[in-house]
Each structure stands twice: as C-alpha cells, then as structure tokens.
Amino acid sequence: MTQAIINLGEYEDRILTIVKGKYGFKNKSEAINFVIDKFEEEFLEPKLKPEFVRKMVVMEKTGKFKSYKSISDLRKDIENA
C-alpha cells in the first residue's frame, strides 16, 4: 500500500468529511479511495451504454459492416465516400 502526504484546502477537506460521513467510512483515506474509484468509473473507462451495444448487435446481424481485404481497399473506400 502506498502512502502519501497531501495538502487539501479547507473546501476539499469539507468535501471529504461529507463523503466520509455520508458513506460511513472509518477515515478520510477510505473516502479518497471511494472518490478515486468514482472518478475512474465516470471518466477514465466509461462502460458501453446498453443502447449502443444493442445497435452494434443489430448492425452485425443485418450485415451493415463491410470487410476489407487490405488497408488500401479501405483507404480507397474512405477517399471515395
């Protein structure tokens, strides 16, 4: 486990205290870990929305995808679009 000394402003400290109390964490370290996990979920690796997955499945079944034998064929198709 890595330890870090961080400097928080008064506002940031209040936010952590609120998160700690709201979710019943024992200390601010758990609150910081929770905030980091939430940040990861929301911004770093968003999951695919179910609607998008359904669209992709329908497109795959209806044959709206096109296969290319080479990169040059793909480039020709893009340039002539």
PDB file of N, CA and C in Angstrom:
ATOM      1  N   MET A   1       0.839  -1.169   0.000  1.00  0.00           N
ATOM      2  CA  MET A   1       0.000   0.000   0.000  1.00  0.00           C
ATOM      3  C   MET A   1       0.888   1.237   0.000  1.00  0.00           C
ATOM      4  N   THR A   2       0.571   2.158  -0.856  1.00  0.00           N
ATOM      5  CA  THR A   2       1.320   3.395  -0.956  1.00  0.00           C
ATOM      6  C   THR A   2       0.760   4.421   0.002  1.00  0.00           C
ATOM      7  N   GLN A   3       1.630   5.163   0.618  1.00  0.00           N
ATOM      8  CA  GLN A   3       1.204   6.248   1.494  1.00  0.00           C
ATOM      9  C   GLN A   3       1.616   7.560   0.863  1.00  0.00           C
ATOM     10  N   ALA A   4       0.781   8.567   1.074  1.00  0.00           N
ATOM     11  CA  ALA A   4       1.079   9.878   0.508  1.00  0.00           C
ATOM     12  C   ALA A   4       0.661  10.963   1.487  1.00  0.00           C
ATOM     13  N   ILE A   5       1.428  12.001   1.489  1.00  0.00           N
ATOM     14  CA  ILE A   5       1.049  13.187   2.252  1.00  0.00           C
ATOM     15  C   ILE A   5       0.493  14.171   1.236  1.00  0.00           C
ATOM     16  N   ILE A   6      -0.741  14.590   1.466  1.00  0.00           N
ATOM     17  CA  ILE A   6      -1.373  15.511   0.523  1.00  0.00           C
ATOM     18  C   ILE A   6      -1.810  16.770   1.252  1.00  0.00           C
ATOM     19  N   ASN A   7      -1.824  17.859   0.516  1.00  0.00           N
ATOM     20  CA  ASN A   7      -2.295  19.124   1.060  1.00  0.00           C
ATOM     21  C   ASN A   7      -3.669  19.402   0.484  1.00  0.00           C
ATOM     22  N   LEU A   8      -4.640  19.572   1.359  1.00  0.00           N
ATOM     23  CA  LEU A   8      -6.004  19.865   0.940  1.00  0.00           C
ATOM     24  C   LEU A   8      -6.394  21.251   1.421  1.00  0.00           C
ATOM     25  N   GLY A   9      -7.134  21.910   0.577  1.00  0.00           N
ATOM     26  CA  GLY A   9      -7.704  23.172   1.014  1.00  0.00           C
ATOM     27  C   GLY A   9      -8.866  22.909   1.950  1.00  0.00           C
ATOM     28  N   GLU A  10      -9.360  23.980   2.565  1.00  0.00           N
ATOM     29  CA  GLU A  10     -10.458  23.831   3.514  1.00  0.00           C
ATOM     30  C   GLU A  10     -11.700  23.254   2.841  1.00  0.00           C
ATOM     31  N   TYR A  11     -11.993  23.705   1.628  1.00  0.00           N
ATOM     32  CA  TYR A  11     -13.174  23.228   0.899  1.00  0.00           C
ATOM     33  C   TYR A  11     -13.057  21.741   0.577  1.00  0.00           C
ATOM     34  N   GLU A  12     -11.892  21.319   0.080  1.00  0.00           N
ATOM     35  CA  GLU A  12     -11.679  19.916  -0.266  1.00  0.00           C
ATOM     36  C   GLU A  12     -11.772  19.028   0.969  1.00  0.00           C
ATOM     37  N   ASP A  13     -11.254  19.527   2.095  1.00  0.00           N
ATOM     38  CA  ASP A  13     -11.335  18.775   3.342  1.00  0.00           C
ATOM     39  C   ASP A  13     -12.785  18.597   3.769  1.00  0.00           C
ATOM     40  N   ARG A  14     -13.589  19.638   3.614  1.00  0.00           N
ATOM     41  CA  ARG A  14     -15.019  19.537   3.945  1.00  0.00           C
ATOM     42  C   ARG A  14     -15.716  18.508   3.073  1.00  0.00           C
ATOM     43  N   ILE A  15     -15.383  18.521   1.788  1.00  0.00           N
ATOM     44  CA  ILE A  15     -15.988  17.554   0.858  1.00  0.00           C
ATOM     45  C   ILE A  15     -15.659  16.133   1.295  1.00  0.00           C
ATOM     46  N   LEU A  16     -14.399  15.885   1.616  1.00  0.00           N
ATOM     47  CA  LEU A  16     -14.005  14.548   2.073  1.00  0.00           C
ATOM     48  C   LEU A  16     -14.719  14.162   3.363  1.00  0.00           C
ATOM     49  N   THR A  17     -14.892  15.112   4.258  1.00  0.00           N
ATOM     50  CA  THR A  17     -15.604  14.841   5.503  1.00  0.00           C
ATOM     51  C   THR A  17     -17.057  14.467   5.217  1.00  0.00           C
ATOM     52  N   ILE A  18     -17.679  15.163   4.267  1.00  0.00           N
ATOM     53  CA  ILE A  18     -19.060  14.860   3.889  1.00  0.00           C
ATOM     54  C   ILE A  18     -19.149  13.466   3.282  1.00  0.00           C
ATOM     55  N   VAL A  19     -18.223  13.145   2.362  1.00  0.00           N
ATOM     56  CA  VAL A  19     -18.216  11.818   1.728  1.00  0.00           C
ATOM     57  C   VAL A  19     -17.999  10.746   2.783  1.00  0.00           C
ATOM     58  N   LYS A  20     -17.073  10.998   3.691  1.00  0.00           N
ATOM     59  CA  LYS A  20     -16.784  10.051   4.774  1.00  0.00           C
ATOM     60  C   LYS A  20     -18.035   9.786   5.606  1.00  0.00           C
ATOM     61  N   GLY A  21     -18.743  10.841   5.984  1.00  0.00           N
ATOM     62  CA  GLY A  21     -19.942  10.683   6.789  1.00  0.00           C
ATOM     63  C   GLY A  21     -21.097  10.058   6.023  1.00  0.00           C
ATOM     64  N   LYS A  22     -21.286  10.485   4.791  1.00  0.00           N
ATOM     65  CA  LYS A  22     -22.420  10.000   4.002  1.00  0.00           C
ATOM     66  C   LYS A  22     -22.334   8.502   3.750  1.00  0.00           C
ATOM     67  N   TYR A  23     -21.132   8.007   3.466  1.00  0.00           N
ATOM     68  CA  TYR A  23     -20.967   6.593   3.135  1.00  0.00           C
ATOM     69  C   TYR A  23     -20.456   5.759   4.302  1.00  0.00           C
ATOM     70  N   GLY A  24     -20.292   6.364   5.466  1.00  0.00           N
ATOM     71  CA  GLY A  24     -19.920   5.623   6.666  1.00  0.00           C
ATOM     72  C   GLY A  24     -18.493   5.095   6.676  1.00  0.00           C
ATOM     73  N   PHE A  25     -17.580   5.814   6.043  1.00  0.00           N
ATOM     74  CA  PHE A  25     -16.187   5.374   6.043  1.00  0.00           C
ATOM     75  C   PHE A  25     -15.549   5.654   7.399  1.00  0.00           C
ATOM     76  N   LYS A  26     -14.539   4.851   7.739  1.00  0.00           N
ATOM     77  CA  LYS A  26     -13.867   4.996   9.024  1.00  0.00           C
ATOM     78  C   LYS A  26     -12.905   6.186   9.041  1.00  0.00           C
ATOM     79  N   ASN A  27     -12.313   6.470   7.877  1.00  0.00           N
ATOM     80  CA  ASN A  27     -11.349   7.560   7.816  1.00  0.00           C
ATOM     81  C   ASN A  27     -11.374   8.222   6.428  1.00  0.00           C
ATOM     82  N   LYS A  28     -10.625   9.300   6.299  1.00  0.00           N
ATOM     83  CA  LYS A  28     -10.626  10.041   5.045  1.00  0.00           C
ATOM     84  C   LYS A  28      -9.888   9.289   3.933  1.00  0.00           C
ATOM     85  N   SER A  29      -9.015   8.385   4.323  1.00  0.00           N
ATOM     86  CA  SER A  29      -8.325   7.570   3.324  1.00  0.00           C
ATOM     87  C   SER A  29      -9.333   6.728   2.534  1.00  0.00           C
ATOM     88  N   GLU A  30     -10.301   6.144   3.235  1.00  0.00           N
ATOM     89  CA  GLU A  30     -11.338   5.375   2.550  1.00  0.00           C
ATOM     90  C   GLU A  30     -12.187   6.283   1.668  1.00  0.00           C
ATOM     91  N   ALA A  31     -12.440   7.504   2.130  1.00  0.00           N
ATOM     92  CA  ALA A  31     -13.212   8.460   1.335  1.00  0.00           C
ATOM     93  C   ALA A  31     -12.457   8.844   0.064  1.00  0.00           C
ATOM     94  N   ILE A  32     -11.159   9.049   0.171  1.00  0.00           N
ATOM     95  CA  ILE A  32     -10.348   9.382  -1.006  1.00  0.00           C
ATOM     96  C   ILE A  32     -10.366   8.224  -1.994  1.00  0.00           C
ATOM     97  N   ASN A  33     -10.210   7.001  -1.505  1.00  0.00           N
ATOM     98  CA  ASN A  33     -10.256   5.836  -2.396  1.00  0.00           C
ATOM     99  C   ASN A  33     -11.598   5.735  -3.103  1.00  0.00           C
ATOM    100  N   PHE A  34     -12.682   6.024  -2.391  1.00  0.00           N
ATOM    101  CA  PHE A  34     -14.019   6.000  -2.979  1.00  0.00           C
ATOM    102  C   PHE A  34     -14.144   7.043  -4.091  1.00  0.00           C
ATOM    103  N   VAL A  35     -13.679   8.252  -3.821  1.00  0.00           N
ATOM    104  CA  VAL A  35     -13.746   9.322  -4.821  1.00  0.00           C
ATOM    105  C   VAL A  35     -12.928   8.947  -6.055  1.00  0.00           C
ATOM    106  N   ILE A  36     -11.768   8.367  -5.848  1.00  0.00           N
ATOM    107  CA  ILE A  36     -10.927   7.944  -6.975  1.00  0.00           C
ATOM    108  C   ILE A  36     -11.634   6.866  -7.790  1.00  0.00           C
ATOM    109  N   ASP A  37     -12.259   5.903  -7.132  1.00  0.00           N
ATOM    110  CA  ASP A  37     -12.995   4.854  -7.844  1.00  0.00           C
ATOM    111  C   ASP A  37     -14.131   5.441  -8.661  1.00  0.00           C
ATOM    112  N   LYS A  38     -14.852   6.401  -8.088  1.00  0.00           N
ATOM    113  CA  LYS A  38     -15.949   7.045  -8.818  1.00  0.00           C
ATOM    114  C   LYS A  38     -15.427   7.799 -10.025  1.00  0.00           C
ATOM    115  N   PHE A  39     -14.303   8.483  -9.876  1.00  0.00           N
ATOM    116  CA  PHE A  39     -13.700   9.216 -10.980  1.00  0.00           C
ATOM    117  C   PHE A  39     -13.334   8.257 -12.103  1.00  0.00           C
ATOM    118  N   GLU A  40     -12.770   7.128 -11.743  1.00  0.00           N
ATOM    119  CA  GLU A  40     -12.393   6.137 -12.755  1.00  0.00           C
ATOM    120  C   GLU A  40     -13.623   5.663 -13.527  1.00  0.00           C
ATOM    121  N   GLU A  41     -14.682   5.328 -12.815  1.00  0.00           N
ATOM    122  CA  GLU A  41     -15.894   4.834 -13.465  1.00  0.00           C
ATOM    123  C   GLU A  41     -16.480   5.855 -14.423  1.00  0.00           C
ATOM    124  N   GLU A  42     -16.483   7.108 -14.019  1.00  0.00           N
ATOM    125  CA  GLU A  42     -17.151   8.141 -14.802  1.00  0.00           C
ATOM    126  C   GLU A  42     -16.306   8.667 -15.961  1.00  0.00           C
ATOM    127  N   PHE A  43     -15.006   8.788 -15.767  1.00  0.00           N
ATOM    128  CA  PHE A  43     -14.206   9.499 -16.746  1.00  0.00           C
ATOM    129  C   PHE A  43     -13.152   8.677 -17.465  1.00  0.00           C
ATOM    130  N   LEU A  44     -12.548   7.738 -16.802  1.00  0.00           N
ATOM    131  CA  LEU A  44     -11.417   7.055 -17.421  1.00  0.00           C
ATOM    132  C   LEU A  44     -11.819   5.893 -18.311  1.00  0.00           C
ATOM    133  N   GLU A  45     -12.708   5.063 -17.850  1.00  0.00           N
ATOM    134  CA  GLU A  45     -13.108   3.910 -18.635  1.00  0.00           C
ATOM    135  C   GLU A  45     -14.625   3.761 -18.625  1.00  0.00           C
ATOM    136  N   PRO A  46     -15.288   4.650 -19.348  1.00  0.00           N
ATOM    137  CA  PRO A  46     -16.743   4.531 -19.346  1.00  0.00           C
ATOM    138  C   PRO A  46     -17.186   3.224 -19.987  1.00  0.00           C
ATOM    139  N   LYS A  47     -18.178   2.618 -19.414  1.00  0.00           N
ATOM    140  CA  LYS A  47     -18.711   1.382 -19.964  1.00  0.00           C
ATOM    141  C   LYS A  47     -19.614   1.714 -21.132  1.00  0.00           C
ATOM    142  N   LEU A  48     -19.742   0.762 -22.027  1.00  0.00           N
ATOM    143  CA  LEU A  48     -20.622   0.972 -23.169  1.00  0.00           C
ATOM    144  C   LEU A  48     -22.067   0.986 -22.700  1.00  0.00           C
ATOM    145  N   LYS A  49     -22.814   1.929 -23.231  1.00  0.00           N
ATOM    146  CA  LYS A  49     -24.226   2.012 -22.876  1.00  0.00           C
ATOM    147  C   LYS A  49     -24.965   0.842 -23.516  1.00  0.00           C
ATOM    148  N   PRO A  50     -25.961   0.313 -22.829  1.00  0.00           N
ATOM    149  CA  PRO A  50     -26.720  -0.825 -23.371  1.00  0.00           C
ATOM    150  C   PRO A  50     -27.340  -0.529 -24.740  1.00  0.00           C
ATOM    151  N   GLU A  51     -27.764   0.729 -24.953  1.00  0.00           N
ATOM    152  CA  GLU A  51     -28.349   1.080 -26.248  1.00  0.00           C
ATOM    153  C   GLU A  51     -27.325   0.923 -27.370  1.00  0.00           C
ATOM    154  N   PHE A  52     -26.081   1.338 -27.099  1.00  0.00           N
ATOM    155  CA  PHE A  52     -25.026   1.235 -28.097  1.00  0.00           C
ATOM    156  C   PHE A  52     -24.724  -0.225 -28.409  1.00  0.00           C
ATOM    157  N   VAL A  53     -24.668  -1.056 -27.373  1.00  0.00           N
ATOM    158  CA  VAL A  53     -24.392  -2.476 -27.568  1.00  0.00           C
ATOM    159  C   VAL A  53     -25.501  -3.099 -28.417  1.00  0.00           C
ATOM    160  N   ARG A  54     -26.752  -2.751 -28.132  1.00  0.00           N
ATOM    161  CA  ARG A  54     -27.870  -3.293 -28.925  1.00  0.00           C
ATOM    162  C   ARG A  54     -27.757  -2.868 -30.383  1.00  0.00           C
ATOM    163  N   LYS A  55     -27.390  -1.594 -30.622  1.00  0.00           N
ATOM    164  CA  LYS A  55     -27.228  -1.117 -32.003  1.00  0.00           C
ATOM    165  C   LYS A  55     -26.145  -1.907 -32.728  1.00  0.00           C
ATOM    166  N   MET A  56     -25.044  -2.157 -32.045  1.00  0.00           N
ATOM    167  CA  MET A  56     -23.942  -2.894 -32.662  1.00  0.00           C
ATOM    168  C   MET A  56     -24.360  -4.322 -32.984  1.00  0.00           C
ATOM    169  N   VAL A  57     -25.123  -4.952 -32.103  1.00  0.00           N
ATOM    170  CA  VAL A  57     -25.591  -6.320 -32.343  1.00  0.00           C
ATOM    171  C   VAL A  57     -26.516  -6.341 -33.561  1.00  0.00           C
ATOM    172  N   VAL A  58     -27.421  -5.367 -33.652  1.00  0.00           N
ATOM    173  CA  VAL A  58     -28.337  -5.290 -34.797  1.00  0.00           C
ATOM    174  C   VAL A  58     -27.549  -5.059 -36.081  1.00  0.00           C
ATOM    175  N   MET A  59     -26.577  -4.153 -36.043  1.00  0.00           N
ATOM    176  CA  MET A  59     -25.768  -3.888 -37.232  1.00  0.00           C
ATOM    177  C   MET A  59     -25.004  -5.137 -37.668  1.00  0.00           C
ATOM    178  N   GLU A  60     -24.509  -5.868 -36.704  1.00  0.00           N
ATOM    179  CA  GLU A  60     -23.766  -7.081 -37.024  1.00  0.00           C
ATOM    180  C   GLU A  60     -24.684  -8.120 -37.669  1.00  0.00           C
ATOM    181  N   LYS A  61     -25.897  -8.248 -37.163  1.00  0.00           N
ATOM    182  CA  LYS A  61     -26.831  -9.233 -37.699  1.00  0.00           C
ATOM    183  C   LYS A  61     -27.366  -8.850 -39.067  1.00  0.00           C
ATOM    184  N   THR A  62     -27.575  -7.543 -39.299  1.00  0.00           N
ATOM    185  CA  THR A  62     -28.148  -7.097 -40.576  1.00  0.00           C
ATOM    186  C   THR A  62     -27.085  -6.935 -41.652  1.00  0.00           C
ATOM    187  N   GLY A  63     -25.841  -7.083 -41.303  1.00  0.00           N
ATOM    188  CA  GLY A  63     -24.785  -7.037 -42.311  1.00  0.00           C
ATOM    189  C   GLY A  63     -24.410  -5.644 -42.757  1.00  0.00           C
ATOM    190  N   LYS A  64     -24.524  -4.664 -41.884  1.00  0.00           N
ATOM    191  CA  LYS A  64     -24.160  -3.299 -42.252  1.00  0.00           C
ATOM    192  C   LYS A  64     -22.656  -3.055 -42.130  1.00  0.00           C
ATOM    193  N   PHE A  65     -21.925  -4.060 -41.720  1.00  0.00           N
ATOM    194  CA  PHE A  65     -20.477  -3.951 -41.656  1.00  0.00           C
ATOM    195  C   PHE A  65     -19.892  -4.412 -42.979  1.00  0.00           C
ATOM    196  N   LYS A  66     -18.748  -3.851 -43.327  1.00  0.00           N
ATOM    197  CA  LYS A  66     -18.110  -4.215 -44.577  1.00  0.00           C
ATOM    198  C   LYS A  66     -16.693  -4.706 -44.283  1.00  0.00           C
ATOM    199  N   SER A  67     -16.319  -5.808 -44.899  1.00  0.00           N
ATOM    200  CA  SER A  67     -14.979  -6.360 -44.703  1.00  0.00           C
ATOM    201  C   SER A  67     -14.059  -5.873 -45.808  1.00  0.00           C
ATOM    202  N   TYR A  68     -12.816  -5.672 -45.456  1.00  0.00           N
ATOM    203  CA  TYR A  68     -11.801  -5.241 -46.419  1.00  0.00           C
ATOM    204  C   TYR A  68     -10.670  -6.253 -46.420  1.00  0.00           C
ATOM    205  N   LYS A  69     -10.148  -6.505 -47.613  1.00  0.00           N
ATOM    206  CA  LYS A  69      -9.047  -7.464 -47.727  1.00  0.00           C
ATOM    207  C   LYS A  69      -7.697  -6.812 -47.451  1.00  0.00           C
ATOM    208  N   SER A  70      -7.639  -5.493 -47.609  1.00  0.00           N
ATOM    209  CA  SER A  70      -6.378  -4.801 -47.371  1.00  0.00           C
ATOM    210  C   SER A  70      -6.650  -3.365 -46.932  1.00  0.00           C
ATOM    211  N   ILE A  71      -5.630  -2.752 -46.399  1.00  0.00           N
ATOM    212  CA  ILE A  71      -5.723  -1.356 -45.970  1.00  0.00           C
ATOM    213  C   ILE A  71      -5.951  -0.451 -47.180  1.00  0.00           C
ATOM    214  N   SER A  72      -5.348  -0.784 -48.289  1.00  0.00           N
ATOM    215  CA  SER A  72      -5.520   0.055 -49.476  1.00  0.00           C
ATOM    216  C   SER A  72      -6.977   0.055 -49.942  1.00  0.00           C
ATOM    217  N   ASP A  73      -7.669  -1.081 -49.836  1.00  0.00           N
ATOM    218  CA  ASP A  73      -9.092  -1.118 -50.177  1.00  0.00           C
ATOM    219  C   ASP A  73      -9.904  -0.212 -49.250  1.00  0.00           C
ATOM    220  N   LEU A  74      -9.570  -0.242 -47.977  1.00  0.00           N
ATOM    221  CA  LEU A  74     -10.242   0.624 -47.014  1.00  0.00           C
ATOM    222  C   LEU A  74      -9.986   2.092 -47.341  1.00  0.00           C
ATOM    223  N   ARG A  75      -8.746   2.431 -47.636  1.00  0.00           N
ATOM    224  CA  ARG A  75      -8.402   3.828 -47.977  1.00  0.00           C
ATOM    225  C   ARG A  75      -9.161   4.301 -49.208  1.00  0.00           C
ATOM    226  N   LYS A  76      -9.255   3.436 -50.224  1.00  0.00           N
ATOM    227  CA  LYS A  76      -9.999   3.792 -51.440  1.00  0.00           C
ATOM    228  C   LYS A  76     -11.456   4.076 -51.122  1.00  0.00           C
ATOM    229  N   ASP A  77     -12.039   3.232 -50.271  1.00  0.00           N
ATOM    230  CA  ASP A  77     -13.439   3.393 -49.915  1.00  0.00           C
ATOM    231  C   ASP A  77     -13.654   4.696 -49.139  1.00  0.00           C
ATOM    232  N   ILE A  78     -12.730   5.020 -48.242  1.00  0.00           N
ATOM    233  CA  ILE A  78     -12.837   6.255 -47.449  1.00  0.00           C
ATOM    234  C   ILE A  78     -12.667   7.480 -48.348  1.00  0.00           C
ATOM    235  N   GLU A  79     -11.711   7.434 -49.253  1.00  0.00           N
ATOM    236  CA  GLU A  79     -11.443   8.569 -50.126  1.00  0.00           C
ATOM    237  C   GLU A  79     -12.590   8.818 -51.099  1.00  0.00           C
ATOM    238  N   ASN A  80     -13.320   7.777 -51.467  1.00  0.00           N
ATOM    239  CA  ASN A  80     -14.406   7.913 -52.426  1.00  0.00           C
ATOM    240  C   ASN A  80     -15.765   8.093 -51.747  1.00  0.00           C
ATOM    241  N   ALA A  81     -15.763   8.237 -50.453  1.00  0.00           N
ATOM    242  CA  ALA A  81     -17.034   8.376 -49.726  1.00  0.00           C
ATOM    243  C   ALA A  81     -17.636   9.743 -49.936  1.00  0.00           C
TER     244      ALA A  81
END
